[in-house]
Amino acid sequence: HEFLVKQTVFECFQILNQHRQRDSSWYNDDVQYSGAMKEAVQVRAMALSKLNYWLDHRGVSCRTVQRMPLREVFLQEQRHRESQLHRSLRQATSEGDAEGIRAAAAALCRRKGLLR
C-alpha cells in the first residue's frame, strides 16, 4: 500500500504541474479557467477516492488500483456514489418516506454543487 500512496501523490503533483506549465493565455478562456480551477480544487478528493477505492474493493489488488489513473478512479467513484443516491431517492419515493426523499434529494443537489 506504500507504493499506492506514493503513486497517488505523484499523480496529484502531475496534475498540478500540468496546470503550472500552461501558458497564462490558456487561462483567458473562461471555460478552460473554470475547469482548471475545479480540477485543482478536486485534487485532494481525487487522491482520497483512489485510496478509498482500494479500501472499499477488497477483491482488487493494491497494485491494480495503483495502475488505475487518478482521474478515472475519481470519476468512477463519483458515478458510483451518485448512483447510490439515486437508488436511495427511488427507494424513499416508493416507500413514501418524505424525510428520506428530502435527504436523498439534498445530497444529490450537494453533489451537483446546487447546495452547500
PDB file of N, CA and C in Angstrom:
ATOM      1  N   HIS A   1       0.809  -1.198   0.000  1.00  0.00           N
ATOM      2  CA  HIS A   1       0.000   0.000   0.000  1.00  0.00           C
ATOM      3  C   HIS A   1       0.854   1.264   0.000  1.00  0.00           C
ATOM      4  N   GLU A   2       2.106   1.148   0.420  1.00  0.00           N
ATOM      5  CA  GLU A   2       3.003   2.298   0.430  1.00  0.00           C
ATOM      6  C   GLU A   2       3.216   2.834  -0.991  1.00  0.00           C
ATOM      7  N   PHE A   3       3.330   1.922  -1.950  1.00  0.00           N
ATOM      8  CA  PHE A   3       3.519   2.340  -3.339  1.00  0.00           C
ATOM      9  C   PHE A   3       2.261   2.986  -3.902  1.00  0.00           C
ATOM     10  N   LEU A   4       1.097   2.531  -3.445  1.00  0.00           N
ATOM     11  CA  LEU A   4      -0.162   3.148  -3.879  1.00  0.00           C
ATOM     12  C   LEU A   4      -0.206   4.602  -3.421  1.00  0.00           C
ATOM     13  N   VAL A   5       0.180   4.852  -2.204  1.00  0.00           N
ATOM     14  CA  VAL A   5       0.193   6.223  -1.684  1.00  0.00           C
ATOM     15  C   VAL A   5       1.193   7.066  -2.471  1.00  0.00           C
ATOM     16  N   LYS A   6       2.388   6.531  -2.699  1.00  0.00           N
ATOM     17  CA  LYS A   6       3.405   7.275  -3.456  1.00  0.00           C
ATOM     18  C   LYS A   6       2.939   7.580  -4.877  1.00  0.00           C
ATOM     19  N   GLN A   7       2.331   6.600  -5.530  1.00  0.00           N
ATOM     20  CA  GLN A   7       1.835   6.782  -6.891  1.00  0.00           C
ATOM     21  C   GLN A   7       0.721   7.827  -6.916  1.00  0.00           C
ATOM     22  N   THR A   8      -0.147   7.793  -5.929  1.00  0.00           N
ATOM     23  CA  THR A   8      -1.258   8.744  -5.851  1.00  0.00           C
ATOM     24  C   THR A   8      -0.735  10.166  -5.664  1.00  0.00           C
ATOM     25  N   VAL A   9       0.227  10.335  -4.776  1.00  0.00           N
ATOM     26  CA  VAL A   9       0.827  11.659  -4.561  1.00  0.00           C
ATOM     27  C   VAL A   9       1.521  12.136  -5.829  1.00  0.00           C
ATOM     28  N   PHE A  10       2.222  11.235  -6.497  1.00  0.00           N
ATOM     29  CA  PHE A  10       2.894  11.575  -7.756  1.00  0.00           C
ATOM     30  C   PHE A  10       1.885  12.067  -8.796  1.00  0.00           C
ATOM     31  N   GLU A  11       0.758  11.357  -8.921  1.00  0.00           N
ATOM     32  CA  GLU A  11      -0.266  11.758  -9.885  1.00  0.00           C
ATOM     33  C   GLU A  11      -0.862  13.121  -9.536  1.00  0.00           C
ATOM     34  N   CYS A  12      -1.030  13.399  -8.257  1.00  0.00           N
ATOM     35  CA  CYS A  12      -1.538  14.712  -7.839  1.00  0.00           C
ATOM     36  C   CYS A  12      -0.582  15.816  -8.272  1.00  0.00           C
ATOM     37  N   PHE A  13       0.706  15.614  -8.040  1.00  0.00           N
ATOM     38  CA  PHE A  13       1.691  16.610  -8.449  1.00  0.00           C
ATOM     39  C   PHE A  13       1.739  16.746  -9.972  1.00  0.00           C
ATOM     40  N   GLN A  14       1.535  15.653 -10.688  1.00  0.00           N
ATOM     41  CA  GLN A  14       1.491  15.726 -12.154  1.00  0.00           C
ATOM     42  C   GLN A  14       0.358  16.641 -12.617  1.00  0.00           C
ATOM     43  N   ILE A  15      -0.799  16.482 -12.027  1.00  0.00           N
ATOM     44  CA  ILE A  15      -1.950  17.317 -12.400  1.00  0.00           C
ATOM     45  C   ILE A  15      -1.654  18.785 -12.131  1.00  0.00           C
ATOM     46  N   LEU A  16      -1.135  19.068 -10.951  1.00  0.00           N
ATOM     47  CA  LEU A  16      -0.833  20.454 -10.601  1.00  0.00           C
ATOM     48  C   LEU A  16       0.261  21.028 -11.500  1.00  0.00           C
ATOM     49  N   ASN A  17       1.270  20.212 -11.818  1.00  0.00           N
ATOM     50  CA  ASN A  17       2.336  20.678 -12.706  1.00  0.00           C
ATOM     51  C   ASN A  17       1.840  20.922 -14.123  1.00  0.00           C
ATOM     52  N   GLN A  18       0.886  20.127 -14.591  1.00  0.00           N
ATOM     53  CA  GLN A  18       0.301  20.367 -15.914  1.00  0.00           C
ATOM     54  C   GLN A  18      -0.308  21.761 -15.978  1.00  0.00           C
ATOM     55  N   HIS A  19      -0.960  22.158 -14.905  1.00  0.00           N
ATOM     56  CA  HIS A  19      -1.574  23.486 -14.867  1.00  0.00           C
ATOM     57  C   HIS A  19      -0.515  24.587 -14.768  1.00  0.00           C
ATOM     58  N   ARG A  20       0.530  24.335 -14.022  1.00  0.00           N
ATOM     59  CA  ARG A  20       1.591  25.334 -13.882  1.00  0.00           C
ATOM     60  C   ARG A  20       2.333  25.555 -15.199  1.00  0.00           C
ATOM     61  N   GLN A  21       2.453  24.504 -16.004  1.00  0.00           N
ATOM     62  CA  GLN A  21       3.214  24.594 -17.246  1.00  0.00           C
ATOM     63  C   GLN A  21       2.448  25.246 -18.393  1.00  0.00           C
ATOM     64  N   ARG A  22       1.165  25.403 -18.225  1.00  0.00           N
ATOM     65  CA  ARG A  22       0.377  26.037 -19.295  1.00  0.00           C
ATOM     66  C   ARG A  22       0.714  27.513 -19.389  1.00  0.00           C
ATOM     67  N   ASP A  23       0.669  28.012 -20.605  1.00  0.00           N
ATOM     68  CA  ASP A  23       0.853  29.433 -20.833  1.00  0.00           C
ATOM     69  C   ASP A  23      -0.311  30.186 -20.192  1.00  0.00           C
ATOM     70  N   SER A  24      -0.031  31.337 -19.637  1.00  0.00           N
ATOM     71  CA  SER A  24      -1.076  32.090 -18.947  1.00  0.00           C
ATOM     72  C   SER A  24      -2.240  32.452 -19.874  1.00  0.00           C
ATOM     73  N   SER A  25      -1.986  32.577 -21.165  1.00  0.00           N
ATOM     74  CA  SER A  25      -3.071  32.916 -22.099  1.00  0.00           C
ATOM     75  C   SER A  25      -4.111  31.796 -22.189  1.00  0.00           C
ATOM     76  N   TRP A  26      -3.713  30.561 -21.889  1.00  0.00           N
ATOM     77  CA  TRP A  26      -4.648  29.432 -21.924  1.00  0.00           C
ATOM     78  C   TRP A  26      -5.785  29.666 -20.931  1.00  0.00           C
ATOM     79  N   TYR A  27      -5.477  30.309 -19.827  1.00  0.00           N
ATOM     80  CA  TYR A  27      -6.459  30.550 -18.769  1.00  0.00           C
ATOM     81  C   TYR A  27      -7.394  31.717 -19.080  1.00  0.00           C
ATOM     82  N   ASN A  28      -7.139  32.433 -20.170  1.00  0.00           N
ATOM     83  CA  ASN A  28      -8.013  33.550 -20.548  1.00  0.00           C
ATOM     84  C   ASN A  28      -9.393  33.078 -21.004  1.00  0.00           C
ATOM     85  N   ASP A  29      -9.488  31.847 -21.443  1.00  0.00           N
ATOM     86  CA  ASP A  29     -10.774  31.260 -21.825  1.00  0.00           C
ATOM     87  C   ASP A  29     -11.501  30.860 -20.541  1.00  0.00           C
ATOM     88  N   ASP A  30     -12.689  31.400 -20.337  1.00  0.00           N
ATOM     89  CA  ASP A  30     -13.429  31.162 -19.089  1.00  0.00           C
ATOM     90  C   ASP A  30     -13.693  29.686 -18.821  1.00  0.00           C
ATOM     91  N   VAL A  31     -14.017  28.937 -19.862  1.00  0.00           N
ATOM     92  CA  VAL A  31     -14.323  27.511 -19.689  1.00  0.00           C
ATOM     93  C   VAL A  31     -13.070  26.761 -19.253  1.00  0.00           C
ATOM     94  N   GLN A  32     -11.951  27.052 -19.891  1.00  0.00           N
ATOM     95  CA  GLN A  32     -10.696  26.387 -19.529  1.00  0.00           C
ATOM     96  C   GLN A  32     -10.269  26.771 -18.113  1.00  0.00           C
ATOM     97  N   TYR A  33     -10.377  28.054 -17.792  1.00  0.00           N
ATOM     98  CA  TYR A  33     -10.003  28.523 -16.455  1.00  0.00           C
ATOM     99  C   TYR A  33     -10.868  27.845 -15.390  1.00  0.00           C
ATOM    100  N   SER A  34     -12.170  27.829 -15.619  1.00  0.00           N
ATOM    101  CA  SER A  34     -13.098  27.226 -14.667  1.00  0.00           C
ATOM    102  C   SER A  34     -12.785  25.742 -14.470  1.00  0.00           C
ATOM    103  N   GLY A  35     -12.555  25.034 -15.567  1.00  0.00           N
ATOM    104  CA  GLY A  35     -12.231  23.608 -15.475  1.00  0.00           C
ATOM    105  C   GLY A  35     -10.931  23.358 -14.738  1.00  0.00           C
ATOM    106  N   ALA A  36      -9.940  24.208 -14.998  1.00  0.00           N
ATOM    107  CA  ALA A  36      -8.642  24.057 -14.333  1.00  0.00           C
ATOM    108  C   ALA A  36      -8.765  24.312 -12.836  1.00  0.00           C
ATOM    109  N   MET A  37      -9.507  25.327 -12.467  1.00  0.00           N
ATOM    110  CA  MET A  37      -9.676  25.632 -11.044  1.00  0.00           C
ATOM    111  C   MET A  37     -10.444  24.522 -10.333  1.00  0.00           C
ATOM    112  N   LYS A  38     -11.455  24.006 -11.004  1.00  0.00           N
ATOM    113  CA  LYS A  38     -12.245  22.909 -10.421  1.00  0.00           C
ATOM    114  C   LYS A  38     -11.346  21.694 -10.198  1.00  0.00           C
ATOM    115  N   GLU A  39     -10.541  21.373 -11.206  1.00  0.00           N
ATOM    116  CA  GLU A  39      -9.657  20.213 -11.083  1.00  0.00           C
ATOM    117  C   GLU A  39      -8.615  20.424  -9.986  1.00  0.00           C
ATOM    118  N   ALA A  40      -8.054  21.627  -9.902  1.00  0.00           N
ATOM    119  CA  ALA A  40      -7.047  21.911  -8.873  1.00  0.00           C
ATOM    120  C   ALA A  40      -7.647  21.756  -7.476  1.00  0.00           C
ATOM    121  N   VAL A  41      -8.866  22.197  -7.315  1.00  0.00           N
ATOM    122  CA  VAL A  41      -9.537  22.084  -6.021  1.00  0.00           C
ATOM    123  C   VAL A  41      -9.866  20.622  -5.713  1.00  0.00           C
ATOM    124  N   GLN A  42     -10.130  19.839  -6.741  1.00  0.00           N
ATOM    125  CA  GLN A  42     -10.535  18.445  -6.547  1.00  0.00           C
ATOM    126  C   GLN A  42      -9.374  17.470  -6.398  1.00  0.00           C
ATOM    127  N   VAL A  43      -8.143  17.930  -6.501  1.00  0.00           N
ATOM    128  CA  VAL A  43      -7.000  17.013  -6.442  1.00  0.00           C
ATOM    129  C   VAL A  43      -7.011  16.202  -5.152  1.00  0.00           C
ATOM    130  N   ARG A  44      -7.286  16.842  -4.048  1.00  0.00           N
ATOM    131  CA  ARG A  44      -7.330  16.125  -2.759  1.00  0.00           C
ATOM    132  C   ARG A  44      -8.425  15.063  -2.775  1.00  0.00           C
ATOM    133  N   ALA A  45      -9.595  15.428  -3.273  1.00  0.00           N
ATOM    134  CA  ALA A  45     -10.702  14.468  -3.344  1.00  0.00           C
ATOM    135  C   ALA A  45     -10.358  13.318  -4.287  1.00  0.00           C
ATOM    136  N   MET A  46      -9.631  13.614  -5.366  1.00  0.00           N
ATOM    137  CA  MET A  46      -9.212  12.561  -6.293  1.00  0.00           C
ATOM    138  C   MET A  46      -8.301  11.565  -5.585  1.00  0.00           C
ATOM    139  N   ALA A  47      -7.356  12.089  -4.820  1.00  0.00           N
ATOM    140  CA  ALA A  47      -6.425  11.217  -4.097  1.00  0.00           C
ATOM    141  C   ALA A  47      -7.174  10.338  -3.097  1.00  0.00           C
ATOM    142  N   LEU A  48      -8.074  10.946  -2.358  1.00  0.00           N
ATOM    143  CA  LEU A  48      -8.849  10.171  -1.392  1.00  0.00           C
ATOM    144  C   LEU A  48      -9.722   9.125  -2.081  1.00  0.00           C
ATOM    145  N   SER A  49     -10.257   9.458  -3.238  1.00  0.00           N
ATOM    146  CA  SER A  49     -11.074   8.496  -3.989  1.00  0.00           C
ATOM    147  C   SER A  49     -10.267   7.264  -4.362  1.00  0.00           C
ATOM    148  N   LYS A  50      -9.041   7.498  -4.797  1.00  0.00           N
ATOM    149  CA  LYS A  50      -8.211   6.358  -5.201  1.00  0.00           C
ATOM    150  C   LYS A  50      -7.895   5.468  -4.002  1.00  0.00           C
ATOM    151  N   LEU A  51      -7.544   6.080  -2.886  1.00  0.00           N
ATOM    152  CA  LEU A  51      -7.244   5.282  -1.693  1.00  0.00           C
ATOM    153  C   LEU A  51      -8.500   4.584  -1.170  1.00  0.00           C
ATOM    154  N   ASN A  52      -9.624   5.280  -1.178  1.00  0.00           N
ATOM    155  CA  ASN A  52     -10.879   4.665  -0.735  1.00  0.00           C
ATOM    156  C   ASN A  52     -11.324   3.551  -1.663  1.00  0.00           C
ATOM    157  N   TYR A  53     -11.055   3.706  -2.950  1.00  0.00           N
ATOM    158  CA  TYR A  53     -11.394   2.647  -3.906  1.00  0.00           C
ATOM    159  C   TYR A  53     -10.702   1.349  -3.496  1.00  0.00           C
ATOM    160  N   TRP A  54      -9.434   1.444  -3.164  1.00  0.00           N
ATOM    161  CA  TRP A  54      -8.692   0.262  -2.745  1.00  0.00           C
ATOM    162  C   TRP A  54      -9.272  -0.314  -1.455  1.00  0.00           C
ATOM    163  N   LEU A  55      -9.619   0.537  -0.514  1.00  0.00           N
ATOM    164  CA  LEU A  55     -10.170   0.061   0.758  1.00  0.00           C
ATOM    165  C   LEU A  55     -11.568  -0.542   0.584  1.00  0.00           C
ATOM    166  N   ASP A  56     -12.365   0.034  -0.309  1.00  0.00           N
ATOM    167  CA  ASP A  56     -13.754  -0.404  -0.494  1.00  0.00           C
ATOM    168  C   ASP A  56     -13.895  -1.640  -1.374  1.00  0.00           C
ATOM    169  N   HIS A  57     -12.916  -1.913  -2.221  1.00  0.00           N
ATOM    170  CA  HIS A  57     -12.990  -3.039  -3.160  1.00  0.00           C
ATOM    171  C   HIS A  57     -11.975  -4.097  -2.736  1.00  0.00           C
ATOM    172  N   ARG A  58     -12.372  -4.892  -1.785  1.00  0.00           N
ATOM    173  CA  ARG A  58     -11.476  -5.884  -1.167  1.00  0.00           C
ATOM    174  C   ARG A  58     -10.887  -6.873  -2.182  1.00  0.00           C
ATOM    175  N   GLY A  59     -11.610  -7.184  -3.238  1.00  0.00           N
ATOM    176  CA  GLY A  59     -11.127  -8.166  -4.205  1.00  0.00           C
ATOM    177  C   GLY A  59     -10.132  -7.606  -5.200  1.00  0.00           C
ATOM    178  N   VAL A  60      -9.891  -6.306  -5.168  1.00  0.00           N
ATOM    179  CA  VAL A  60      -8.988  -5.666  -6.121  1.00  0.00           C
ATOM    180  C   VAL A  60      -7.639  -5.453  -5.445  1.00  0.00           C
ATOM    181  N   SER A  61      -6.580  -5.878  -6.128  1.00  0.00           N
ATOM    182  CA  SER A  61      -5.257  -5.756  -5.515  1.00  0.00           C
ATOM    183  C   SER A  61      -4.796  -4.308  -5.478  1.00  0.00           C
ATOM    184  N   CYS A  62      -3.925  -4.048  -4.556  1.00  0.00           N
ATOM    185  CA  CYS A  62      -3.357  -2.714  -4.394  1.00  0.00           C
ATOM    186  C   CYS A  62      -2.615  -2.303  -5.670  1.00  0.00           C
ATOM    187  N   ARG A  63      -1.907  -3.245  -6.264  1.00  0.00           N
ATOM    188  CA  ARG A  63      -1.151  -2.956  -7.489  1.00  0.00           C
ATOM    189  C   ARG A  63      -2.085  -2.585  -8.643  1.00  0.00           C
ATOM    190  N   THR A  64      -3.230  -3.238  -8.720  1.00  0.00           N
ATOM    191  CA  THR A  64      -4.211  -2.916  -9.760  1.00  0.00           C
ATOM    192  C   THR A  64      -4.704  -1.485  -9.594  1.00  0.00           C
ATOM    193  N   VAL A  65      -5.040  -1.114  -8.371  1.00  0.00           N
ATOM    194  CA  VAL A  65      -5.515   0.244  -8.102  1.00  0.00           C
ATOM    195  C   VAL A  65      -4.396   1.247  -8.367  1.00  0.00           C
ATOM    196  N   GLN A  66      -3.184   0.885  -8.021  1.00  0.00           N
ATOM    197  CA  GLN A  66      -2.030   1.760  -8.255  1.00  0.00           C
ATOM    198  C   GLN A  66      -1.911   2.107  -9.736  1.00  0.00           C
ATOM    199  N   ARG A  67      -2.203   1.158 -10.605  1.00  0.00           N
ATOM    200  CA  ARG A  67      -2.083   1.370 -12.056  1.00  0.00           C
ATOM    201  C   ARG A  67      -3.251   2.164 -12.648  1.00  0.00           C
ATOM    202  N   MET A  68      -4.340   2.266 -11.903  1.00  0.00           N
ATOM    203  CA  MET A  68      -5.519   2.976 -12.416  1.00  0.00           C
ATOM    204  C   MET A  68      -5.265   4.484 -12.383  1.00  0.00           C
ATOM    205  N   PRO A  69      -5.577   5.179 -13.478  1.00  0.00           N
ATOM    206  CA  PRO A  69      -5.371   6.631 -13.491  1.00  0.00           C
ATOM    207  C   PRO A  69      -6.240   7.333 -12.449  1.00  0.00           C
ATOM    208  N   LEU A  70      -5.658   8.312 -11.798  1.00  0.00           N
ATOM    209  CA  LEU A  70      -6.312   9.042 -10.717  1.00  0.00           C
ATOM    210  C   LEU A  70      -7.653   9.619 -11.145  1.00  0.00           C
ATOM    211  N   ARG A  71      -7.682  10.302 -12.275  1.00  0.00           N
ATOM    212  CA  ARG A  71      -8.927  10.923 -12.749  1.00  0.00           C
ATOM    213  C   ARG A  71     -10.000   9.870 -13.023  1.00  0.00           C
ATOM    214  N   GLU A  72      -9.581   8.734 -13.568  1.00  0.00           N
ATOM    215  CA  GLU A  72     -10.534   7.661 -13.891  1.00  0.00           C
ATOM    216  C   GLU A  72     -11.185   7.098 -12.629  1.00  0.00           C
ATOM    217  N   VAL A  73     -10.380   6.855 -11.611  1.00  0.00           N
ATOM    218  CA  VAL A  73     -10.916   6.332 -10.347  1.00  0.00           C
ATOM    219  C   VAL A  73     -11.861   7.353  -9.729  1.00  0.00           C
ATOM    220  N   PHE A  74     -11.473   8.614  -9.762  1.00  0.00           N
ATOM    221  CA  PHE A  74     -12.294   9.679  -9.192  1.00  0.00           C
ATOM    222  C   PHE A  74     -13.659   9.730  -9.870  1.00  0.00           C
ATOM    223  N   LEU A  75     -13.672   9.727 -11.195  1.00  0.00           N
ATOM    224  CA  LEU A  75     -14.942   9.780 -11.919  1.00  0.00           C
ATOM    225  C   LEU A  75     -15.778   8.535 -11.682  1.00  0.00           C
ATOM    226  N   GLN A  76     -15.126   7.393 -11.639  1.00  0.00           N
ATOM    227  CA  GLN A  76     -15.838   6.130 -11.381  1.00  0.00           C
ATOM    228  C   GLN A  76     -16.475   6.160  -9.993  1.00  0.00           C
ATOM    229  N   GLU A  77     -15.743   6.637  -9.005  1.00  0.00           N
ATOM    230  CA  GLU A  77     -16.280   6.719  -7.648  1.00  0.00           C
ATOM    231  C   GLU A  77     -17.413   7.744  -7.555  1.00  0.00           C
ATOM    232  N   GLN A  78     -17.281   8.859  -8.266  1.00  0.00           N
ATOM    233  CA  GLN A  78     -18.353   9.855  -8.272  1.00  0.00           C
ATOM    234  C   GLN A  78     -19.631   9.260  -8.856  1.00  0.00           C
ATOM    235  N   ARG A  79     -19.500   8.560  -9.980  1.00  0.00           N
ATOM    236  CA  ARG A  79     -20.677   7.928 -10.599  1.00  0.00           C
ATOM    237  C   ARG A  79     -21.295   6.900  -9.668  1.00  0.00           C
ATOM    238  N   HIS A  80     -20.454   6.140  -8.986  1.00  0.00           N
ATOM    239  CA  HIS A  80     -20.946   5.114  -8.058  1.00  0.00           C
ATOM    240  C   HIS A  80     -21.723   5.754  -6.901  1.00  0.00           C
ATOM    241  N   ARG A  81     -21.155   6.790  -6.312  1.00  0.00           N
ATOM    242  CA  ARG A  81     -21.827   7.466  -5.187  1.00  0.00           C
ATOM    243  C   ARG A  81     -23.135   8.121  -5.637  1.00  0.00           C
ATOM    244  N   GLU A  82     -23.113   8.722  -6.813  1.00  0.00           N
ATOM    245  CA  GLU A  82     -24.334   9.351  -7.325  1.00  0.00           C
ATOM    246  C   GLU A  82     -25.400   8.296  -7.614  1.00  0.00           C
ATOM    247  N   SER A  83     -24.989   7.170  -8.134  1.00  0.00           N
ATOM    248  CA  SER A  83     -25.917   6.072  -8.400  1.00  0.00           C
ATOM    249  C   SER A  83     -26.552   5.576  -7.104  1.00  0.00           C
ATOM    250  N   GLN A  84     -25.758   5.501  -6.038  1.00  0.00           N
ATOM    251  CA  GLN A  84     -26.289   5.093  -4.737  1.00  0.00           C
ATOM    252  C   GLN A  84     -27.349   6.086  -4.254  1.00  0.00           C
ATOM    253  N   LEU A  85     -27.082   7.365  -4.442  1.00  0.00           N
ATOM    254  CA  LEU A  85     -28.045   8.381  -4.019  1.00  0.00           C
ATOM    255  C   LEU A  85     -29.332   8.295  -4.828  1.00  0.00           C
ATOM    256  N   HIS A  86     -29.221   8.041  -6.126  1.00  0.00           N
ATOM    257  CA  HIS A  86     -30.423   7.880  -6.957  1.00  0.00           C
ATOM    258  C   HIS A  86     -31.239   6.678  -6.491  1.00  0.00           C
ATOM    259  N   ARG A  87     -30.548   5.588  -6.133  1.00  0.00           N
ATOM    260  CA  ARG A  87     -31.249   4.406  -5.613  1.00  0.00           C
ATOM    261  C   ARG A  87     -31.968   4.735  -4.316  1.00  0.00           C
ATOM    262  N   SER A  88     -31.288   5.482  -3.452  1.00  0.00           N
ATOM    263  CA  SER A  88     -31.901   5.883  -2.172  1.00  0.00           C
ATOM    264  C   SER A  88     -33.135   6.741  -2.411  1.00  0.00           C
ATOM    265  N   LEU A  89     -33.038   7.650  -3.376  1.00  0.00           N
ATOM    266  CA  LEU A  89     -34.169   8.521  -3.691  1.00  0.00           C
ATOM    267  C   LEU A  89     -35.339   7.706  -4.235  1.00  0.00           C
ATOM    268  N   ARG A  90     -35.053   6.766  -5.139  1.00  0.00           N
ATOM    269  CA  ARG A  90     -36.124   5.917  -5.694  1.00  0.00           C
ATOM    270  C   ARG A  90     -36.774   5.067  -4.609  1.00  0.00           C
ATOM    271  N   GLN A  91     -35.957   4.511  -3.712  1.00  0.00           N
ATOM    272  CA  GLN A  91     -36.495   3.677  -2.644  1.00  0.00           C
ATOM    273  C   GLN A  91     -37.364   4.507  -1.701  1.00  0.00           C
ATOM    274  N   ALA A  92     -36.867   5.674  -1.317  1.00  0.00           N
ATOM    275  CA  ALA A  92     -37.636   6.544  -0.419  1.00  0.00           C
ATOM    276  C   ALA A  92     -38.945   6.965  -1.080  1.00  0.00           C
ATOM    277  N   THR A  93     -38.902   7.225  -2.370  1.00  0.00           N
ATOM    278  CA  THR A  93     -40.108   7.614  -3.106  1.00  0.00           C
ATOM    279  C   THR A  93     -41.117   6.472  -3.131  1.00  0.00           C
ATOM    280  N   SER A  94     -40.625   5.261  -3.414  1.00  0.00           N
ATOM    281  CA  SER A  94     -41.540   4.116  -3.485  1.00  0.00           C
ATOM    282  C   SER A  94     -42.135   3.785  -2.117  1.00  0.00           C
ATOM    283  N   GLU A  95     -41.412   4.107  -1.050  1.00  0.00           N
ATOM    284  CA  GLU A  95     -41.905   3.837   0.309  1.00  0.00           C
ATOM    285  C   GLU A  95     -42.705   5.007   0.873  1.00  0.00           C
ATOM    286  N   GLY A  96     -42.749   6.109   0.140  1.00  0.00           N
ATOM    287  CA  GLY A  96     -43.457   7.291   0.628  1.00  0.00           C
ATOM    288  C   GLY A  96     -42.769   7.942   1.816  1.00  0.00           C
ATOM    289  N   ASP A  97     -41.461   7.769   1.905  1.00  0.00           N
ATOM    290  CA  ASP A  97     -40.661   8.287   3.019  1.00  0.00           C
ATOM    291  C   ASP A  97     -40.237   9.730   2.712  1.00  0.00           C
ATOM    292  N   ALA A  98     -41.021  10.696   3.197  1.00  0.00           N
ATOM    293  CA  ALA A  98     -40.773  12.113   2.893  1.00  0.00           C
ATOM    294  C   ALA A  98     -39.406  12.569   3.387  1.00  0.00           C
ATOM    295  N   GLU A  99     -39.001  12.144   4.566  1.00  0.00           N
ATOM    296  CA  GLU A  99     -37.700  12.544   5.105  1.00  0.00           C
ATOM    297  C   GLU A  99     -36.562  11.935   4.275  1.00  0.00           C
ATOM    298  N   GLY A 100     -36.731  10.681   3.881  1.00  0.00           N
ATOM    299  CA  GLY A 100     -35.732  10.019   3.028  1.00  0.00           C
ATOM    300  C   GLY A 100     -35.622  10.686   1.674  1.00  0.00           C
ATOM    301  N   ILE A 101     -36.758  11.084   1.115  1.00  0.00           N
ATOM    302  CA  ILE A 101     -36.770  11.794  -0.171  1.00  0.00           C
ATOM    303  C   ILE A 101     -36.007  13.107  -0.033  1.00  0.00           C
ATOM    304  N   ARG A 102     -36.321  13.856   1.034  1.00  0.00           N
ATOM    305  CA  ARG A 102     -35.670  15.147   1.255  1.00  0.00           C
ATOM    306  C   ARG A 102     -34.161  14.974   1.410  1.00  0.00           C
ATOM    307  N   ALA A 103     -33.747  13.988   2.204  1.00  0.00           N
ATOM    308  CA  ALA A 103     -32.319  13.767   2.460  1.00  0.00           C
ATOM    309  C   ALA A 103     -31.582  13.358   1.189  1.00  0.00           C
ATOM    310  N   ALA A 104     -32.155  12.427   0.428  1.00  0.00           N
ATOM    311  CA  ALA A 104     -31.504  11.966  -0.808  1.00  0.00           C
ATOM    312  C   ALA A 104     -31.452  13.074  -1.850  1.00  0.00           C
ATOM    313  N   ALA A 105     -32.551  13.818  -1.975  1.00  0.00           N
ATOM    314  CA  ALA A 105     -32.580  14.924  -2.948  1.00  0.00           C
ATOM    315  C   ALA A 105     -31.563  15.997  -2.566  1.00  0.00           C
ATOM    316  N   ALA A 106     -31.465  16.308  -1.289  1.00  0.00           N
ATOM    317  CA  ALA A 106     -30.495  17.312  -0.836  1.00  0.00           C
ATOM    318  C   ALA A 106     -29.065  16.835  -1.087  1.00  0.00           C
ATOM    319  N   ALA A 107     -28.799  15.563  -0.831  1.00  0.00           N
ATOM    320  CA  ALA A 107     -27.461  15.018  -1.065  1.00  0.00           C
ATOM    321  C   ALA A 107     -27.112  15.063  -2.552  1.00  0.00           C
ATOM    322  N   LEU A 108     -28.072  14.731  -3.403  1.00  0.00           N
ATOM    323  CA  LEU A 108     -27.833  14.813  -4.845  1.00  0.00           C
ATOM    324  C   LEU A 108     -27.562  16.250  -5.283  1.00  0.00           C
ATOM    325  N   CYS A 109     -28.310  17.182  -4.751  1.00  0.00           N
ATOM    326  CA  CYS A 109     -28.111  18.604  -5.082  1.00  0.00           C
ATOM    327  C   CYS A 109     -26.735  19.079  -4.620  1.00  0.00           C
ATOM    328  N   ARG A 110     -26.295  18.621  -3.434  1.00  0.00           N
ATOM    329  CA  ARG A 110     -24.957  18.991  -2.957  1.00  0.00           C
ATOM    330  C   ARG A 110     -23.881  18.437  -3.880  1.00  0.00           C
ATOM    331  N   ARG A 111     -24.063  17.207  -4.337  1.00  0.00           N
ATOM    332  CA  ARG A 111     -23.086  16.590  -5.246  1.00  0.00           C
ATOM    333  C   ARG A 111     -22.986  17.367  -6.549  1.00  0.00           C
ATOM    334  N   LYS A 112     -24.107  17.922  -6.978  1.00  0.00           N
ATOM    335  CA  LYS A 112     -24.136  18.694  -8.224  1.00  0.00           C
ATOM    336  C   LYS A 112     -23.698  20.140  -8.018  1.00  0.00           C
ATOM    337  N   GLY A 113     -23.422  20.522  -6.774  1.00  0.00           N
ATOM    338  CA  GLY A 113     -22.994  21.872  -6.488  1.00  0.00           C
ATOM    339  C   GLY A 113     -24.121  22.875  -6.402  1.00  0.00           C
ATOM    340  N   LEU A 114     -25.354  22.384  -6.250  1.00  0.00           N
ATOM    341  CA  LEU A 114     -26.506  23.277  -6.182  1.00  0.00           C
ATOM    342  C   LEU A 114     -26.812  23.716  -4.760  1.00  0.00           C
ATOM    343  N   LEU A 115     -26.305  22.965  -3.788  1.00  0.00           N
ATOM    344  CA  LEU A 115     -26.476  23.297  -2.365  1.00  0.00           C
ATOM    345  C   LEU A 115     -25.140  23.145  -1.670  1.00  0.00           C
ATOM    346  N   ARG A 116     -25.030  23.802  -0.561  1.00  0.00           N
ATOM    347  CA  ARG A 116     -23.815  23.634   0.264  1.00  0.00           C
ATOM    348  C   ARG A 116     -24.110  22.775   1.445  1.00  0.00           C
TER     349      ARG A 116
END
